C-alpha atoms as a PDB file:
ATOM      1  CA  MET A   1       0.000   0.000   0.000  1.00  0.00           C
ATOM      2  CA  LEU A   2       1.203   3.499  -0.762  1.00  0.00           C
ATOM      3  CA  GLY A   3       1.814   6.145   1.856  1.00  0.00           C
ATOM      4  CA  PRO A   4       1.696   5.925   5.631  1.00  0.00           C
ATOM      5  CA  ARG A   5      -0.483   3.544   7.563  1.00  0.00           C
ATOM      6  CA  ILE A   6      -3.941   4.859   8.400  1.00  0.00           C
ATOM      7  CA  THR A   7      -3.380   4.349  12.130  1.00  0.00           C
ATOM      8  CA  THR A   8      -0.340   6.648  12.071  1.00  0.00           C
ATOM      9  CA  VAL A   9      -2.111   9.269   9.944  1.00  0.00           C
ATOM     10  CA  PHE A  10      -5.063   9.659  12.286  1.00  0.00           C
ATOM     11  CA  ARG A  11      -3.087   9.397  15.529  1.00  0.00           C
ATOM     12  CA  SER A  12      -2.893  13.197  15.595  1.00  0.00           C
ATOM     13  CA  ARG A  13      -5.261  15.856  14.273  1.00  0.00           C
ATOM     14  CA  TRP A  14      -2.403  17.700  12.615  1.00  0.00           C
ATOM     15  CA  ASN A  15      -1.222  14.567  10.830  1.00  0.00           C
ATOM     16  CA  ALA A  16      -4.767  13.999   9.578  1.00  0.00           C
ATOM     17  CA  ILE A  17      -5.069  17.610   8.376  1.00  0.00           C
ATOM     18  CA  PHE A  18      -1.748  17.486   6.519  1.00  0.00           C
ATOM     19  CA  TRP A  19      -2.639  14.128   4.970  1.00  0.00           C
ATOM     20  CA  SER A  20      -6.038  15.408   3.789  1.00  0.00           C
ATOM     21  CA  LEU A  21      -4.445  18.587   2.387  1.00  0.00           C
ATOM     22  CA  GLY A  22      -2.053  16.402   0.422  1.00  0.00           C
ATOM     23  CA  VAL A  23      -4.958  14.410  -1.007  1.00  0.00           C
ATOM     24  CA  LEU A  24      -6.857  17.580  -1.946  1.00  0.00           C
ATOM     25  CA  LEU A  25      -3.755  19.151  -3.494  1.00  0.00           C
ATOM     26  CA  THR A  26      -3.141  16.029  -5.570  1.00  0.00           C
ATOM     27  CA  ALA A  27      -6.727  16.078  -6.821  1.00  0.00           C
ATOM     28  CA  TYR A  28      -6.537  19.805  -7.600  1.00  0.00           C
ATOM     29  CA  CYS A  29      -3.292  19.459  -9.542  1.00  0.00           C
ATOM     30  CA  SER A  30      -4.314  16.379 -11.505  1.00  0.00           C
ATOM     31  CA  VAL A  31      -7.575  17.765 -12.991  1.00  0.00           C
ATOM     32  CA  PRO A  32      -6.954  20.053 -15.995  1.00  0.00           C
ATOM     33  CA  SER A  33      -8.692  23.390 -16.244  1.00  0.00           C
ATOM     34  CA  GLN A  34     -11.479  23.897 -18.751  1.00  0.00           C
ATOM     35  CA  ASP A  35      -9.212  26.056 -20.928  1.00  0.00           C
ATOM     36  CA  GLU A  36      -6.647  23.255 -21.234  1.00  0.00           C
ATOM     37  CA  THR A  37      -9.139  20.663 -22.459  1.00  0.00           C
ATOM     38  CA  ASP A  38     -10.469  20.749 -25.993  1.00  0.00           C
ATOM     39  CA  ASP A  39     -11.691  17.136 -26.247  1.00  0.00           C
ATOM     40  CA  GLY A  40      -9.071  16.320 -28.850  1.00  0.00           C
ATOM     41  CA  ALA A  41     -10.615  18.646 -31.436  1.00  0.00           C
ATOM     42  CA  SER A  42      -7.272  20.175 -32.361  1.00  0.00           C
ATOM     43  CA  LEU A  43      -5.689  16.733 -32.754  1.00  0.00           C
ATOM     44  CA  ALA A  44      -8.584  15.615 -34.942  1.00  0.00           C
ATOM     45  CA  LYS A  45      -8.186  18.672 -37.153  1.00  0.00           C
ATOM     46  CA  LEU A  46      -4.469  17.961 -37.514  1.00  0.00           C
ATOM     47  CA  ALA A  47      -5.239  14.373 -38.527  1.00  0.00           C
ATOM     48  CA  GLY A  48      -7.784  15.562 -41.093  1.00  0.00           C
ATOM     49  CA  HIS A  49     -10.881  14.204 -39.388  1.00  0.00           C
ATOM     50  CA  GLN A  50     -14.129  16.103 -39.468  1.00  0.00           C
ATOM     51  CA  GLU A  51     -15.778  17.034 -36.226  1.00  0.00           C
ATOM     52  CA  PRO A  52     -18.938  14.967 -35.691  1.00  0.00           C
ATOM     53  CA  ALA A  53     -22.227  16.822 -35.510  1.00  0.00           C
ATOM     54  CA  LYS A  54     -23.351  17.233 -31.924  1.00  0.00           C
ATOM     55  CA  ALA A  55     -26.698  15.673 -31.144  1.00  0.00           C
ATOM     56  CA  GLU A  56     -29.299  17.751 -29.371  1.00  0.00           C
ATOM     57  CA  HIS A  57     -29.717  16.763 -25.747  1.00  0.00           C
ATOM     58  CA  VAL A  58     -32.969  14.919 -25.019  1.00  0.00           C
ATOM     59  CA  ASN A  59     -34.217  14.532 -21.476  1.00  0.00           C
ATOM     60  CA  PRO A  60     -34.776  10.785 -20.941  1.00  0.00           C
ATOM     61  CA  TRP A  61     -37.179  11.447 -18.060  1.00  0.00           C
ATOM     62  CA  ALA A  62     -39.445  13.830 -19.947  1.00  0.00           C
ATOM     63  CA  LYS A  63     -42.929  12.545 -20.706  1.00  0.00           C
ATOM     64  CA  SER A  64     -43.638  11.962 -24.340  1.00  0.00           C
ATOM     65  CA  GLU A  65     -46.700  13.653 -25.758  1.00  0.00           C
ATOM     66  CA  ALA A  66     -48.211  10.322 -26.898  1.00  0.00           C
ATOM     67  CA  GLU A  67     -48.842   9.209 -23.304  1.00  0.00           C
ATOM     68  CA  PRO A  68     -51.929  10.574 -21.508  1.00  0.00           C
ATOM     69  CA  ASP A  69     -51.169  12.258 -18.212  1.00  0.00           C
ATOM     70  CA  ASP A  70     -53.986  11.015 -15.974  1.00  0.00           C
ATOM     71  CA  ALA A  71     -54.858   7.525 -17.283  1.00  0.00           C
ATOM     72  CA  GLY A  72     -53.759   4.268 -15.742  1.00  0.00           C
ATOM     73  CA  PRO A  73     -53.746   2.446 -12.444  1.00  0.00           C
ATOM     74  CA  ALA A  74     -51.283   4.829 -10.822  1.00  0.00           C
ATOM     75  CA  SER A  75     -53.729   7.728 -11.026  1.00  0.00           C
ATOM     76  CA  GLY A  76     -56.416   5.865  -9.119  1.00  0.00           C
ATOM     77  CA  GLN A  77     -58.966   5.966 -11.943  1.00  0.00           C
ATOM     78  CA  PRO A  78     -60.216   2.701 -13.453  1.00  0.00           C
ATOM     79  CA  ARG A  79     -59.770   2.157 -17.144  1.00  0.00           C
END
């Protein structure tokens, strides 16, 4: 296992704080900023690939208009 043992880390509050700051700093430094990420678009342009058309987002939980709103056993009304 990497790093110190958990029992030695949490033996003191200060050790636990420094350990957690190290974890947070590692996470902060490893995630790129939004400006640095371009989803490979520049590499695709260099390779000569066309950018795929982006599909419009569709809410999967939205009710379709073909279904009636108040019919069915869940509404308490008999069919």
